[in-house]
Amino acid sequence: MSITSRPISSKSSNKRPISSIDARRREQTFKEYETILEGLKQSFDERWKLNVAANSEENGAKFEDFERFRTLGTGAFGRVILVKHKADGGYHAMKILDKAKIVKMKQVEPTHNEKHILWSIRFPFVVYLEYCFKDNSYIYMVLPFINGGEMFSHLRKIGKFDEALARFYAAQVALALEYLHKCSLVYRDLKPENILIDHAGYIRVTDFGFSKMIENRQVLTWTLCGTPEYLAPEIILSKGYGKCVDWWSFGVLVYEMNAGYSPFYSHNPMKTYEKISAGKYRCPAFFNEDLKDLIKNLLQVDLTRRYGNLKGGSMDIKKHKWFQKIDWLKIYNRAVVPSFIPHVSSPGDVSNFEKYEEEELVVGEEELFAKEFENF
């Protein structure tokens, strides 16, 4: 089934440019969505200022409230496991982080930021914080369980997505980034591993460990973080950077979804950095002109020419010809039928996730780093 919002003829002789009526309707759709986005921004601001951040005192949740199953993923500071709330039977993803490792790696402030951000954001294509609490050794963040698995796994299994499916996913990611930027957040870790697909075939951006609040367009940050193949050149060159690094990564993602590999891949990481810094890549022969043009305008080393950083902002991307078939309101409302839906047999089905070696959770008798995590 097509993922477009209306039938598109496959015969080239029947193709026609968008009529003035279609153009007016499209402009009206953009205006309607802008109103929605303003409301979402207001909701974010209210939650951000409250900063109650769903800690154990406010939500009454604790580790014993959840039945634990198997590991869904691992990271530098801990792991994510599938849990079920004993009271309501709902499945969740519990992120368990080791306090000692966080302190050792000087990641206390970023961890607090991640919790604050996850508590504040509410959008159809991002995860959010449901509960959080702590014990003597660990901190816990409970998120929705998105049981379709990582985009990365499906992309590797299929090889590459067909263009319509890639465009469907790209539209959702574009809306997610637009929302985050509207909320003055830079994401900084876009990659297929951080995009989950739900049981209905829609995506959720996850892992906000590198995300940061940037109050206005003029404020820059200098932290070197992210995945090498997705890093923007200004990050590699240790220049101050802003939210437009996410649009560079978006260009890499659009390329990889359509090609099956990233534009700057090399076995040698230094070669990858050199290619990125020079903006050196080649598109496969099967990429059409609209797709190549979008990628060219996203993978611009020159910030004054990069889409997402120009006067038109994200609208330059949303109005691009490659997205001409996308009805952005229908995407936001999840009213488009996906061409691919992951096989999910039940709410707690973990078959779309890789298996990991399990580790016993050992909680110490004395509270560690009480001051550092006092308000968690």
Protein backbone atom coordinates (compact mmCIF):
# COMPACT_ATOMS: atom_id res chain seq x y z
CA MET A 1 0.00 0.00 0.00
CA SER A 2 1.27 3.46 -0.88
CA ILE A 3 2.30 5.69 1.99
CA THR A 4 1.32 8.84 0.12
CA SER A 5 -1.75 10.73 1.23
CA ARG A 6 -3.45 10.54 -2.18
CA PRO A 7 -3.08 8.36 -5.30
CA ILE A 8 -0.16 9.23 -7.58
CA SER A 9 -0.26 7.95 -11.14
CA SER A 10 2.64 5.72 -12.13
CA LYS A 11 2.41 6.80 -15.78
CA SER A 12 4.75 9.64 -16.63
CA SER A 13 2.30 10.98 -19.23
CA ASN A 14 -0.23 11.61 -16.48
CA LYS A 15 2.13 13.54 -14.23
CA ARG A 16 1.28 17.19 -13.73
CA PRO A 17 2.65 20.04 -11.66
CA ILE A 18 0.89 20.96 -8.43
CA SER A 19 -2.06 23.18 -9.32
CA SER A 20 -2.68 26.55 -7.68
CA ILE A 21 -5.48 24.91 -5.67
CA ASP A 22 -3.12 22.19 -4.47
CA ALA A 23 -0.52 24.84 -3.64
CA ARG A 24 -3.03 26.88 -1.63
CA ARG A 25 -4.18 23.79 0.23
CA ARG A 26 -0.57 22.88 0.98
CA GLU A 27 0.16 26.38 2.30
CA GLN A 28 -2.93 26.19 4.50
CA THR A 29 -1.71 22.86 5.86
CA PHE A 30 1.62 24.43 6.77
CA LYS A 31 -0.16 27.25 8.60
CA GLU A 32 -2.36 24.81 10.51
CA TYR A 33 0.66 22.80 11.56
CA GLU A 34 2.51 25.93 12.68
CA THR A 35 -0.39 26.62 15.06
CA ILE A 36 -0.10 23.07 16.41
CA LEU A 37 3.65 23.49 16.83
CA GLU A 38 3.20 26.71 18.80
CA GLY A 39 0.86 24.89 21.18
CA LEU A 40 3.36 22.06 21.62
CA LYS A 41 6.10 24.59 22.35
CA GLN A 42 3.93 26.24 25.01
CA SER A 43 3.28 22.85 26.63
CA PHE A 44 7.02 22.11 26.61
CA ASP A 45 7.84 25.48 28.19
CA GLU A 46 5.37 24.87 31.01
CA ARG A 47 6.80 21.45 31.80
CA TRP A 48 10.38 22.69 31.48
CA LYS A 49 9.83 25.53 33.95
CA LEU A 50 8.09 23.28 36.46
CA ASN A 51 11.06 20.89 36.40
CA VAL A 52 9.35 18.48 38.77
CA ALA A 53 10.77 15.74 36.58
CA ALA A 54 8.65 12.86 37.80
CA ASN A 55 10.97 11.77 40.59
CA SER A 56 10.01 9.15 43.14
CA GLU A 57 8.57 11.68 45.56
CA GLU A 58 6.11 12.96 42.96
CA ASN A 59 5.04 9.79 41.16
CA GLY A 60 5.41 7.23 43.93
CA ALA A 61 7.11 4.75 41.59
CA LYS A 62 9.88 2.47 42.77
CA PHE A 63 11.94 -0.39 41.41
CA GLU A 64 9.80 -3.03 43.12
CA ASP A 65 6.71 -1.86 41.20
CA PHE A 66 8.05 -3.45 38.02
CA GLU A 67 8.47 -7.04 36.90
CA ARG A 68 11.77 -7.35 35.04
CA PHE A 69 12.37 -9.26 31.82
CA ARG A 70 15.34 -9.24 29.46
CA THR A 71 17.82 -6.63 28.24
CA LEU A 72 16.86 -4.58 25.18
CA GLY A 73 20.15 -2.70 24.78
CA THR A 74 23.37 -1.71 26.53
CA GLY A 75 25.44 1.46 26.82
CA ALA A 76 28.44 3.01 28.52
CA PHE A 77 26.62 3.61 31.82
CA GLY A 78 24.22 0.69 32.01
CA ARG A 79 21.46 -1.02 30.10
CA VAL A 80 17.82 -0.84 29.05
CA ILE A 81 15.53 -3.69 30.09
CA LEU A 82 11.94 -4.60 29.38
CA VAL A 83 9.71 -4.28 32.44
CA LYS A 84 6.01 -4.63 33.19
CA HIS A 85 4.21 -2.44 35.69
CA LYS A 86 2.69 -4.82 38.22
CA ALA A 87 -0.32 -2.60 38.90
CA ASP A 88 -1.59 -1.98 35.36
CA GLY A 89 0.25 -4.64 33.32
CA GLY A 90 1.74 -2.06 30.95
CA TYR A 91 5.12 -2.74 29.33
CA HIS A 92 7.91 -0.18 29.54
CA ALA A 93 11.61 0.23 28.75
CA MET A 94 13.61 0.85 31.93
CA LYS A 95 16.94 2.61 31.52
CA ILE A 96 19.26 1.63 34.38
CA LEU A 97 22.34 3.82 34.85
CA ASP A 98 25.25 3.17 37.20
CA LYS A 99 25.90 6.23 39.40
CA ALA A 100 29.59 5.43 39.79
CA LYS A 101 30.15 5.22 36.03
CA ILE A 102 28.27 8.47 35.44
CA VAL A 103 30.39 10.31 38.01
CA LYS A 104 33.64 8.76 36.75
CA MET A 105 32.89 9.89 33.18
CA LYS A 106 31.84 13.37 34.40
CA GLN A 107 28.34 12.94 33.00
CA VAL A 108 26.29 14.00 36.03
CA GLU A 109 25.01 17.24 34.48
CA PRO A 110 24.21 15.67 31.07
CA THR A 111 22.29 12.90 32.86
CA HIS A 112 20.21 15.45 34.75
CA ASN A 113 19.67 17.29 31.46
CA GLU A 114 18.49 14.10 29.78
CA LYS A 115 15.94 13.49 32.50
CA HIS A 116 14.73 17.10 32.36
CA ILE A 117 14.38 16.95 28.57
CA LEU A 118 12.60 13.58 28.56
CA TRP A 119 10.18 14.85 31.20
CA SER A 120 9.41 18.00 29.21
CA ILE A 121 8.98 16.72 25.63
CA ARG A 122 5.69 15.41 24.30
CA PHE A 123 5.49 14.64 20.59
CA PRO A 124 4.22 11.69 18.52
CA PHE A 125 7.68 10.81 17.18
CA VAL A 126 9.86 11.04 20.30
CA VAL A 127 10.00 8.98 23.49
CA TYR A 128 9.39 10.62 26.87
CA LEU A 129 9.87 10.02 30.58
CA GLU A 130 7.08 8.19 32.41
CA TYR A 131 8.75 7.54 35.78
CA CYS A 132 12.15 7.96 37.36
CA PHE A 133 13.65 6.97 40.70
CA LYS A 134 16.94 5.93 42.29
CA ASP A 135 18.47 3.62 44.86
CA ASN A 136 21.88 3.43 46.51
CA SER A 137 23.74 2.44 43.34
CA TYR A 138 21.61 3.23 40.29
CA ILE A 139 19.24 5.73 38.75
CA TYR A 140 16.26 4.57 36.72
CA MET A 141 14.32 6.18 33.89
CA VAL A 142 11.16 4.46 32.67
CA LEU A 143 10.12 5.12 29.06
CA PRO A 144 7.48 3.71 26.69
CA PHE A 145 8.42 0.32 25.22
CA ILE A 146 8.52 0.65 21.41
CA ASN A 147 8.35 -2.98 20.39
CA GLY A 148 9.06 -2.81 16.65
CA GLY A 149 12.80 -2.56 17.24
CA GLU A 150 15.51 -0.25 15.95
CA MET A 151 15.45 1.17 12.44
CA PHE A 152 19.10 0.05 12.25
CA SER A 153 18.13 -3.62 12.56
CA HIS A 154 15.45 -3.42 9.88
CA LEU A 155 17.72 -1.44 7.55
CA ARG A 156 20.49 -4.01 7.87
CA LYS A 157 18.04 -6.87 7.32
CA ILE A 158 16.44 -5.33 4.22
CA GLY A 159 19.61 -3.71 2.85
CA LYS A 160 17.98 -0.39 2.02
CA PHE A 161 14.48 1.06 2.19
CA ASP A 162 12.49 1.77 -0.94
CA GLU A 163 12.23 5.48 -1.59
CA ALA A 164 8.60 5.84 -0.46
CA LEU A 165 9.32 4.19 2.89
CA ALA A 166 12.50 6.25 3.35
CA ARG A 167 10.49 9.41 2.65
CA PHE A 168 7.79 8.33 5.14
CA TYR A 169 10.39 7.85 7.89
CA ALA A 170 12.29 11.00 6.92
CA ALA A 171 9.12 13.09 7.20
CA GLN A 172 8.59 11.94 10.78
CA VAL A 173 12.22 12.57 11.72
CA ALA A 174 12.02 16.03 10.15
CA LEU A 175 8.95 16.85 12.25
CA ALA A 176 10.67 15.51 15.38
CA LEU A 177 13.76 17.67 14.78
CA GLU A 178 11.61 20.70 13.96
CA TYR A 179 9.76 20.19 17.26
CA LEU A 180 12.96 19.81 19.28
CA HIS A 181 14.49 22.90 17.69
CA LYS A 182 11.28 24.83 18.34
CA CYS A 183 11.79 23.90 21.99
CA SER A 184 15.38 25.25 21.79
CA LEU A 185 16.87 21.75 21.95
CA VAL A 186 19.71 20.40 19.84
CA TYR A 187 19.53 16.59 19.57
CA ARG A 188 23.10 15.72 18.42
CA ASP A 189 22.78 11.94 18.10
CA LEU A 190 20.64 11.18 15.07
CA LYS A 191 21.34 7.72 13.59
CA PRO A 192 19.32 4.58 12.71
CA GLU A 193 20.22 2.99 16.07
CA ASN A 194 18.38 5.81 17.87
CA ILE A 195 15.19 5.53 15.86
CA LEU A 196 12.65 2.96 17.03
CA ILE A 197 9.72 1.67 14.98
CA ASP A 198 6.46 1.02 16.82
CA HIS A 199 3.85 -1.69 16.31
CA ALA A 200 1.94 0.55 13.87
CA GLY A 201 4.98 1.26 11.68
CA TYR A 202 5.67 4.80 12.90
CA ILE A 203 8.97 5.98 14.39
CA ARG A 204 10.13 7.29 17.76
CA VAL A 205 13.42 9.11 18.24
CA THR A 206 15.10 7.93 21.43
CA ASP A 207 18.29 8.40 23.52
CA PHE A 208 18.54 12.05 24.52
CA GLY A 209 21.84 11.67 26.37
CA PHE A 210 23.60 14.14 24.04
CA SER A 211 20.71 16.60 23.80
CA LYS A 212 21.11 20.11 25.12
CA MET A 213 19.09 23.28 25.58
CA ILE A 214 20.33 26.15 23.41
CA GLU A 215 18.37 29.22 24.42
CA ASN A 216 18.59 31.15 21.14
CA ARG A 217 20.01 30.99 17.65
CA GLN A 218 23.15 32.92 18.56
CA VAL A 219 24.23 30.61 21.39
CA LEU A 220 26.77 27.98 20.32
CA THR A 221 28.12 24.85 21.96
CA TRP A 222 31.50 23.16 21.47
CA THR A 223 31.13 19.63 22.89
CA LEU A 224 32.47 16.83 20.69
CA CYS A 225 29.76 14.19 20.76
CA GLY A 226 27.80 11.96 18.41
CA THR A 227 28.48 9.06 16.05
CA PRO A 228 31.48 9.59 13.68
CA GLU A 229 29.69 9.01 10.36
CA TYR A 230 26.88 11.37 11.39
CA LEU A 231 28.99 14.21 12.80
CA ALA A 232 28.68 17.60 11.13
CA PRO A 233 31.95 19.14 9.89
CA GLU A 234 31.77 22.04 12.36
CA ILE A 235 31.80 19.51 15.23
CA ILE A 236 34.82 17.68 13.81
CA LEU A 237 36.67 20.96 13.27
CA SER A 238 35.97 22.01 16.90
CA LYS A 239 34.02 25.06 15.85
CA GLY A 240 31.09 26.40 17.82
CA TYR A 241 27.88 24.92 16.47
CA GLY A 242 24.13 25.14 16.85
CA LYS A 243 20.98 23.24 15.97
CA CYS A 244 21.83 22.96 12.27
CA VAL A 245 24.18 20.05 13.08
CA ASP A 246 20.98 17.99 13.35
CA TRP A 247 20.03 18.86 9.76
CA TRP A 248 23.44 17.68 8.55
CA SER A 249 22.84 14.37 10.36
CA PHE A 250 19.36 14.29 8.83
CA GLY A 251 20.99 14.48 5.39
CA VAL A 252 23.23 11.54 6.29
CA LEU A 253 20.18 9.59 7.48
CA VAL A 254 18.18 10.30 4.31
CA TYR A 255 21.16 9.12 2.25
CA GLU A 256 21.67 5.94 4.31
CA MET A 257 17.99 4.96 4.30
CA ASN A 258 17.94 5.16 0.51
CA ALA A 259 21.41 3.76 -0.24
CA GLY A 260 21.86 1.22 2.55
CA TYR A 261 25.15 2.76 3.65
CA SER A 262 26.29 6.17 4.87
CA PRO A 263 27.81 8.76 2.50
CA PHE A 264 31.07 9.17 4.42
CA TYR A 265 31.80 5.57 5.43
CA SER A 266 35.41 4.42 5.63
CA HIS A 267 37.20 1.64 7.53
CA ASN A 268 39.55 4.37 8.74
CA PRO A 269 37.78 6.85 11.08
CA MET A 270 40.24 9.60 10.12
CA LYS A 271 39.27 9.13 6.46
CA THR A 272 35.63 9.48 7.50
CA TYR A 273 36.43 12.76 9.23
CA GLU A 274 38.36 14.00 6.18
CA LYS A 275 35.46 13.19 3.87
CA ILE A 276 32.97 14.93 6.16
CA SER A 277 35.14 18.03 6.58
CA ALA A 278 35.45 18.32 2.79
CA GLY A 279 31.81 17.41 2.16
CA LYS A 280 33.09 14.66 -0.15
CA TYR A 281 30.55 11.98 -1.09
CA ARG A 282 28.94 10.38 -4.15
CA CYS A 283 25.29 9.49 -4.66
CA PRO A 284 24.34 6.11 -6.16
CA ALA A 285 23.21 6.21 -9.80
CA PHE A 286 19.67 5.20 -8.83
CA PHE A 287 19.10 8.32 -6.69
CA ASN A 288 16.68 10.61 -8.53
CA GLU A 289 17.37 14.31 -9.03
CA ASP A 290 15.02 15.47 -6.25
CA LEU A 291 16.65 13.15 -3.72
CA LYS A 292 20.15 14.20 -4.76
CA ASP A 293 19.19 17.86 -4.55
CA LEU A 294 17.78 17.51 -1.03
CA ILE A 295 20.90 15.69 0.17
CA LYS A 296 23.15 18.26 -1.52
CA ASN A 297 21.41 21.08 0.33
CA LEU A 298 21.57 19.27 3.68
CA LEU A 299 25.19 18.09 3.42
CA GLN A 300 26.54 21.60 2.98
CA VAL A 301 29.80 22.31 4.79
CA ASP A 302 29.08 26.01 4.32
CA LEU A 303 26.53 26.86 7.03
CA THR A 304 25.23 29.81 5.02
CA ARG A 305 23.99 27.33 2.40
CA ARG A 306 22.76 24.42 4.55
CA TYR A 307 19.04 23.74 4.58
CA GLY A 308 17.58 24.16 8.04
CA ASN A 309 19.97 27.03 8.77
CA LEU A 310 18.67 29.49 6.18
CA LYS A 311 15.97 32.13 6.52
CA GLY A 312 13.28 29.57 5.69
CA GLY A 313 14.40 27.25 8.49
CA SER A 314 12.85 23.78 8.43
CA MET A 315 10.31 24.94 5.83
CA ASP A 316 13.03 24.79 3.16
CA ILE A 317 13.18 21.05 3.85
CA LYS A 318 9.44 20.44 4.18
CA LYS A 319 8.70 22.33 0.94
CA HIS A 320 11.43 20.57 -1.03
CA LYS A 321 10.32 18.63 -4.13
CA TRP A 322 11.37 15.30 -2.62
CA PHE A 323 8.70 15.78 0.07
CA GLN A 324 6.07 17.01 -2.40
CA LYS A 325 3.95 13.87 -1.89
CA ILE A 326 3.93 14.24 1.90
CA ASP A 327 0.85 15.53 3.69
CA TRP A 328 2.54 16.81 6.85
CA LEU A 329 -0.66 17.05 8.89
CA LYS A 330 -1.54 13.45 8.07
CA ILE A 331 1.95 12.36 9.05
CA TYR A 332 1.69 14.23 12.37
CA ASN A 333 -1.75 12.70 13.02
CA ARG A 334 -0.45 9.21 12.10
CA ALA A 335 -3.18 9.02 9.45
CA VAL A 336 -0.98 7.57 6.69
CA VAL A 337 -0.84 3.78 6.33
CA PRO A 338 2.82 2.63 6.43
CA SER A 339 4.07 0.29 3.71
CA PHE A 340 6.03 -1.65 6.35
CA ILE A 341 4.76 -2.74 9.76
CA PRO A 342 7.07 -4.78 12.03
CA HIS A 343 5.86 -8.19 13.11
CA VAL A 344 4.74 -7.85 16.72
CA SER A 345 2.80 -10.66 18.36
CA SER A 346 2.05 -8.96 21.70
CA PRO A 347 2.74 -5.74 23.67
CA GLY A 348 5.70 -7.42 25.38
CA ASP A 349 7.15 -9.05 22.24
CA VAL A 350 10.95 -8.60 22.15
CA SER A 351 11.64 -10.56 18.96
CA ASN A 352 12.66 -7.37 17.11
CA PHE A 353 15.53 -6.73 19.54
CA GLU A 354 18.95 -8.37 19.66
CA LYS A 355 19.81 -10.65 22.57
CA TYR A 356 22.32 -9.50 25.19
CA GLU A 357 24.15 -11.25 27.99
CA GLU A 358 22.28 -10.54 31.20
CA GLU A 359 23.93 -9.14 34.33
CA GLU A 360 22.73 -9.29 37.90
CA LEU A 361 21.85 -5.93 39.39
CA VAL A 362 23.77 -5.52 42.65
CA VAL A 363 22.62 -2.64 44.85
CA GLY A 364 25.04 -1.53 47.56
CA GLU A 365 24.07 -1.11 51.21
CA GLU A 366 25.24 2.52 51.33
CA GLU A 367 23.96 5.36 49.19
CA LEU A 368 26.50 6.49 46.61
CA PHE A 369 26.85 10.09 45.40
CA ALA A 370 23.87 11.37 47.35
CA LYS A 371 24.71 15.01 46.62
CA GLU A 372 25.24 14.54 42.88
CA PHE A 373 21.85 12.86 42.45
CA GLU A 374 19.99 14.62 45.24
CA ASN A 375 17.22 15.92 42.97
CA PHE A 376 16.90 12.88 40.75
